[in-house]
């Protein structure tokens, strides 16, 4: 693949990710803490959602014991990785547009 085509694809990818971040910044966000190492971060997020009756769409940030964090996006279709939601924001744009307006 020629260098020029790679550069154009790279710019497109960055613009798409930026649009996704802007779109997801409009929804509410919550944070929770991981209690033990045996539990996965998505399990911690699911328990937090269930215990607090959180309604979609929203962003859940799970702070790990190690000090790092992992983000998830809760939509009407389920719980997704934040990175996946940013890269495929067009799948979630309709339900986020209802909240933003």
C-alpha atoms as a PDB file:
ATOM      1  CA  UNK A   1       0.000   0.000   0.000  1.00  0.00           C
ATOM      2  CA  UNK A   2       1.492   3.369  -0.982  1.00  0.00           C
ATOM      3  CA  UNK A   3       2.420   5.813   1.764  1.00  0.00           C
ATOM      4  CA  UNK A   4      -0.066   8.466   0.607  1.00  0.00           C
ATOM      5  CA  UNK A   5      -3.019   6.065   0.887  1.00  0.00           C
ATOM      6  CA  UNK A   6      -1.899   4.994   4.364  1.00  0.00           C
ATOM      7  CA  UNK A   7      -1.748   8.642   5.451  1.00  0.00           C
ATOM      8  CA  UNK A   8      -5.265   9.295   4.178  1.00  0.00           C
ATOM      9  CA  UNK A   9      -6.591   6.229   5.957  1.00  0.00           C
ATOM     10  CA  UNK A  10      -4.860   7.319   9.152  1.00  0.00           C
ATOM     11  CA  UNK A  11      -6.432  10.777   9.007  1.00  0.00           C
ATOM     12  CA  UNK A  12      -9.858   9.288   8.376  1.00  0.00           C
ATOM     13  CA  UNK A  13      -9.459   6.935  11.320  1.00  0.00           C
ATOM     14  CA  UNK A  14      -8.448   9.797  13.635  1.00  0.00           C
ATOM     15  CA  UNK A  15     -11.385  11.937  12.503  1.00  0.00           C
ATOM     16  CA  UNK A  16     -13.795   9.051  13.034  1.00  0.00           C
ATOM     17  CA  UNK A  17     -12.443   8.440  16.545  1.00  0.00           C
ATOM     18  CA  UNK A  18     -12.710  12.139  17.360  1.00  0.00           C
ATOM     19  CA  UNK A  19     -16.354  12.229  16.231  1.00  0.00           C
ATOM     20  CA  UNK A  20     -17.021   9.177  18.410  1.00  0.00           C
ATOM     21  CA  UNK A  21     -15.428  10.785  21.471  1.00  0.00           C
ATOM     22  CA  UNK A  22     -17.455  13.957  20.977  1.00  0.00           C
ATOM     23  CA  UNK A  23     -20.658  11.946  20.636  1.00  0.00           C
ATOM     24  CA  UNK A  24     -19.983   9.819  23.731  1.00  0.00           C
ATOM     25  CA  UNK A  25     -19.049  12.862  25.805  1.00  0.00           C
ATOM     26  CA  UNK A  26     -22.728  13.897  25.688  1.00  0.00           C
ATOM     27  CA  UNK A  27     -23.981  10.929  27.735  1.00  0.00           C
ATOM     28  CA  UNK A  28     -23.870  10.608  31.507  1.00  0.00           C
ATOM     29  CA  UNK A  29     -20.947   8.819  33.102  1.00  0.00           C
ATOM     30  CA  UNK A  30     -20.510   6.830  36.313  1.00  0.00           C
ATOM     31  CA  UNK A  31     -17.494   5.344  38.038  1.00  0.00           C
ATOM     32  CA  UNK A  32     -17.037   2.365  40.307  1.00  0.00           C
ATOM     33  CA  UNK A  33     -14.178   0.489  41.989  1.00  0.00           C
ATOM     34  CA  UNK A  34     -13.097  -3.079  41.423  1.00  0.00           C
ATOM     35  CA  UNK A  35     -13.287  -4.926  44.740  1.00  0.00           C
ATOM     36  CA  UNK A  36     -11.128  -8.008  44.109  1.00  0.00           C
ATOM     37  CA  UNK A  37      -8.691  -9.401  41.544  1.00  0.00           C
ATOM     38  CA  UNK A  38     -10.777 -12.507  40.795  1.00  0.00           C
ATOM     39  CA  UNK A  39     -13.543 -10.448  39.200  1.00  0.00           C
ATOM     40  CA  UNK A  40     -13.239  -9.115  35.655  1.00  0.00           C
ATOM     41  CA  UNK A  41     -13.823  -5.434  35.075  1.00  0.00           C
ATOM     42  CA  UNK A  42     -16.875  -6.069  32.892  1.00  0.00           C
ATOM     43  CA  UNK A  43     -18.390  -8.126  35.728  1.00  0.00           C
ATOM     44  CA  UNK A  44     -17.770  -5.244  38.117  1.00  0.00           C
ATOM     45  CA  UNK A  45     -19.478  -2.866  35.687  1.00  0.00           C
ATOM     46  CA  UNK A  46     -22.460  -5.195  35.264  1.00  0.00           C
ATOM     47  CA  UNK A  47     -22.903  -5.533  39.045  1.00  0.00           C
ATOM     48  CA  UNK A  48     -22.689  -1.752  39.438  1.00  0.00           C
ATOM     49  CA  UNK A  49     -25.343  -1.264  36.748  1.00  0.00           C
ATOM     50  CA  UNK A  50     -27.650  -3.859  38.308  1.00  0.00           C
ATOM     51  CA  UNK A  51     -27.255  -2.591  41.903  1.00  0.00           C
ATOM     52  CA  UNK A  52     -27.825   1.074  41.015  1.00  0.00           C
ATOM     53  CA  UNK A  53     -30.568   0.590  38.369  1.00  0.00           C
ATOM     54  CA  UNK A  54     -28.634   2.568  35.764  1.00  0.00           C
ATOM     55  CA  UNK A  55     -30.451   3.175  32.482  1.00  0.00           C
ATOM     56  CA  UNK A  56     -28.718   3.284  29.079  1.00  0.00           C
ATOM     57  CA  UNK A  57     -27.029   5.090  27.390  1.00  0.00           C
ATOM     58  CA  UNK A  58     -24.142   5.896  29.733  1.00  0.00           C
ATOM     59  CA  UNK A  59     -20.409   5.421  30.209  1.00  0.00           C
ATOM     60  CA  UNK A  60     -19.137   3.342  33.127  1.00  0.00           C
ATOM     61  CA  UNK A  61     -15.547   3.790  34.306  1.00  0.00           C
ATOM     62  CA  UNK A  62     -14.151   0.938  36.392  1.00  0.00           C
ATOM     63  CA  UNK A  63     -11.113   1.863  38.478  1.00  0.00           C
ATOM     64  CA  UNK A  64      -8.950  -1.226  38.892  1.00  0.00           C
ATOM     65  CA  UNK A  65      -7.038  -2.170  42.016  1.00  0.00           C
ATOM     66  CA  UNK A  66      -3.783  -1.750  40.075  1.00  0.00           C
ATOM     67  CA  UNK A  67      -4.570   1.954  39.576  1.00  0.00           C
ATOM     68  CA  UNK A  68      -5.540   1.821  35.912  1.00  0.00           C
ATOM     69  CA  UNK A  69      -9.052   2.269  34.595  1.00  0.00           C
ATOM     70  CA  UNK A  70     -11.243   0.669  31.975  1.00  0.00           C
ATOM     71  CA  UNK A  71     -14.300   2.241  30.363  1.00  0.00           C
ATOM     72  CA  UNK A  72     -17.492   0.663  29.069  1.00  0.00           C
ATOM     73  CA  UNK A  73     -20.472   2.013  27.159  1.00  0.00           C
ATOM     74  CA  UNK A  74     -23.930   0.820  28.154  1.00  0.00           C
ATOM     75  CA  UNK A  75     -26.415   0.980  25.295  1.00  0.00           C
ATOM     76  CA  UNK A  76     -29.857  -0.474  24.780  1.00  0.00           C
ATOM     77  CA  UNK A  77     -28.186  -3.438  23.050  1.00  0.00           C
ATOM     78  CA  UNK A  78     -25.762  -4.272  25.867  1.00  0.00           C
ATOM     79  CA  UNK A  79     -22.415  -3.409  27.428  1.00  0.00           C
ATOM     80  CA  UNK A  80     -19.595  -2.545  25.023  1.00  0.00           C
ATOM     81  CA  UNK A  81     -15.968  -1.567  25.340  1.00  0.00           C
ATOM     82  CA  UNK A  82     -15.494   2.200  25.203  1.00  0.00           C
ATOM     83  CA  UNK A  83     -12.934   1.820  22.425  1.00  0.00           C
ATOM     84  CA  UNK A  84     -15.394  -0.210  20.337  1.00  0.00           C
ATOM     85  CA  UNK A  85     -18.124   2.365  20.940  1.00  0.00           C
ATOM     86  CA  UNK A  86     -15.847   5.202  19.815  1.00  0.00           C
ATOM     87  CA  UNK A  87     -14.764   3.436  16.645  1.00  0.00           C
ATOM     88  CA  UNK A  88     -18.321   2.352  15.764  1.00  0.00           C
ATOM     89  CA  UNK A  89     -20.200   5.378  17.069  1.00  0.00           C
ATOM     90  CA  UNK A  90     -22.562   5.337  14.087  1.00  0.00           C
ATOM     91  CA  UNK A  91     -24.227   2.233  15.584  1.00  0.00           C
ATOM     92  CA  UNK A  92     -25.150   4.180  18.724  1.00  0.00           C
ATOM     93  CA  UNK A  93     -25.746   7.638  17.277  1.00  0.00           C
ATOM     94  CA  UNK A  94     -29.554   7.367  17.229  1.00  0.00           C
ATOM     95  CA  UNK A  95     -29.965   6.571  20.912  1.00  0.00           C
ATOM     96  CA  UNK A  96     -27.359   9.157  21.933  1.00  0.00           C
ATOM     97  CA  UNK A  97     -29.031  11.815  19.781  1.00  0.00           C
ATOM     98  CA  UNK A  98     -32.250  11.332  21.759  1.00  0.00           C
ATOM     99  CA  UNK A  99     -30.398  12.085  25.005  1.00  0.00           C
ATOM    100  CA  UNK A 100     -28.387  15.019  23.590  1.00  0.00           C
ATOM    101  CA  UNK A 101     -31.439  16.892  22.338  1.00  0.00           C
END
